[in-house]
Amino acid sequence: MVPTPYYLLLAAVLFAIGAGGVMLRRNTLVILMCVELMMNAVNLTFVAFSHELNDMTGQVFVFMIMTVAAVEAAIGLAILVELYRLTRSVNIDEFNSLKG
């Protein structure tokens, strides 16, 4: 059996990779994937603590986060498709049409 700190270390590494991708990348699709990676790192943390404490609350939170992630992906991709139709690009720097 793998100890809980290893799961937490893996979750921290995944979250750091996702946060770095959100801050450094300009491609909107990559940014959305990095946000999903950060949410999955949080899910891993919840499951690790849920298993450590023998409590199902963490797994209920994971179910809710997965629901939010699915909605975020659907809405984010719909917005991205519409912005691509307007600008013919997925580069986030070219989406200045949202400025008032």
Protein backbone atom coordinates (compact mmCIF):
# COMPACT_ATOMS: atom_id res chain seq x y z
CA MET A 1 0.00 0.00 0.00
CA VAL A 2 1.31 3.43 -0.96
CA PRO A 3 1.52 5.95 1.93
CA THR A 4 -0.65 9.09 1.82
CA PRO A 5 2.26 11.59 1.59
CA TYR A 6 3.21 10.13 -1.80
CA TYR A 7 -0.27 10.84 -3.12
CA LEU A 8 -0.08 14.36 -1.72
CA LEU A 9 3.32 14.91 -3.33
CA LEU A 10 1.98 13.71 -6.68
CA ALA A 11 -1.04 16.00 -6.31
CA ALA A 12 1.24 18.95 -5.53
CA VAL A 13 3.36 18.25 -8.61
CA LEU A 14 0.27 17.95 -10.82
CA PHE A 15 -1.16 21.17 -9.41
CA ALA A 16 2.15 22.99 -9.96
CA ILE A 17 2.33 21.80 -13.57
CA GLY A 18 -1.26 22.95 -14.15
CA ALA A 19 -0.69 26.34 -12.50
CA GLY A 20 2.49 26.84 -14.51
CA GLY A 21 0.63 26.00 -17.70
CA VAL A 22 -2.15 28.48 -16.92
CA MET A 23 0.35 31.26 -16.22
CA LEU A 24 2.78 30.62 -19.06
CA ARG A 25 0.78 29.37 -22.02
CA ARG A 26 -1.20 31.51 -24.47
CA ASN A 27 -3.19 28.77 -26.22
CA THR A 28 -6.70 28.68 -24.80
CA LEU A 29 -7.09 24.93 -25.24
CA VAL A 30 -3.89 24.29 -23.29
CA ILE A 31 -5.05 26.65 -20.54
CA LEU A 32 -8.35 24.75 -20.24
CA MET A 33 -6.46 21.45 -20.02
CA CYS A 34 -4.20 22.88 -17.32
CA VAL A 35 -7.24 23.97 -15.30
CA GLU A 36 -8.56 20.41 -15.60
CA LEU A 37 -5.18 19.11 -14.42
CA MET A 38 -5.34 21.37 -11.36
CA MET A 39 -8.86 20.14 -10.55
CA ASN A 40 -7.70 16.54 -10.83
CA ALA A 41 -4.83 17.29 -8.44
CA VAL A 42 -7.37 18.57 -5.92
CA ASN A 43 -9.45 15.44 -6.50
CA LEU A 44 -6.43 13.27 -5.77
CA THR A 45 -5.86 15.17 -2.52
CA PHE A 46 -9.49 14.73 -1.46
CA VAL A 47 -9.40 10.99 -2.20
CA ALA A 48 -6.09 10.55 -0.36
CA PHE A 49 -7.39 12.27 2.76
CA SER A 50 -10.72 10.47 2.48
CA HIS A 51 -8.90 7.14 2.42
CA GLU A 52 -6.58 8.15 5.26
CA LEU A 53 -9.44 9.25 7.51
CA ASN A 54 -11.83 6.45 6.48
CA ASP A 55 -14.48 9.03 5.62
CA MET A 56 -16.58 9.28 2.46
CA THR A 57 -16.87 13.08 2.54
CA GLY A 58 -13.80 13.58 0.35
CA GLN A 59 -15.18 11.28 -2.29
CA VAL A 60 -18.45 13.20 -2.34
CA PHE A 61 -16.45 16.39 -2.94
CA VAL A 62 -14.64 14.62 -5.81
CA PHE A 63 -17.99 13.79 -7.41
CA MET A 64 -19.04 17.44 -7.18
CA ILE A 65 -15.71 18.66 -8.61
CA MET A 66 -16.01 16.22 -11.51
CA THR A 67 -19.49 17.59 -12.24
CA VAL A 68 -18.19 21.16 -12.20
CA ALA A 69 -15.25 20.15 -14.42
CA ALA A 70 -17.59 18.62 -17.00
CA VAL A 71 -19.73 21.75 -17.07
CA GLU A 72 -16.62 23.95 -17.27
CA ALA A 73 -15.28 21.94 -20.20
CA ALA A 74 -18.56 22.12 -22.11
CA ILE A 75 -19.08 25.85 -21.55
CA GLY A 76 -15.39 26.68 -22.06
CA LEU A 77 -15.24 24.81 -25.36
CA ALA A 78 -18.48 26.42 -26.55
CA ILE A 79 -17.09 29.89 -25.80
CA LEU A 80 -13.80 28.95 -27.45
CA VAL A 81 -15.55 27.77 -30.62
CA GLU A 82 -17.46 31.06 -30.83
CA LEU A 83 -14.32 33.12 -30.25
CA TYR A 84 -12.50 31.08 -32.90
CA ARG A 85 -15.27 31.91 -35.37
CA LEU A 86 -14.76 35.61 -34.65
CA THR A 87 -10.96 35.80 -34.57
CA ARG A 88 -9.77 32.65 -36.41
CA SER A 89 -7.30 32.02 -33.59
CA VAL A 90 -7.12 30.25 -30.22
CA ASN A 91 -4.38 32.55 -28.93
CA ILE A 92 -5.64 34.24 -25.79
CA ASP A 93 -3.82 37.50 -26.60
CA GLU A 94 -6.01 38.00 -29.67
CA PHE A 95 -9.30 37.91 -27.77
CA ASN A 96 -9.52 41.66 -27.28
CA SER A 97 -13.08 41.80 -28.62
CA LEU A 98 -14.36 41.21 -25.07
CA LYS A 99 -12.98 44.55 -23.87
CA GLY A 100 -15.57 47.30 -23.44
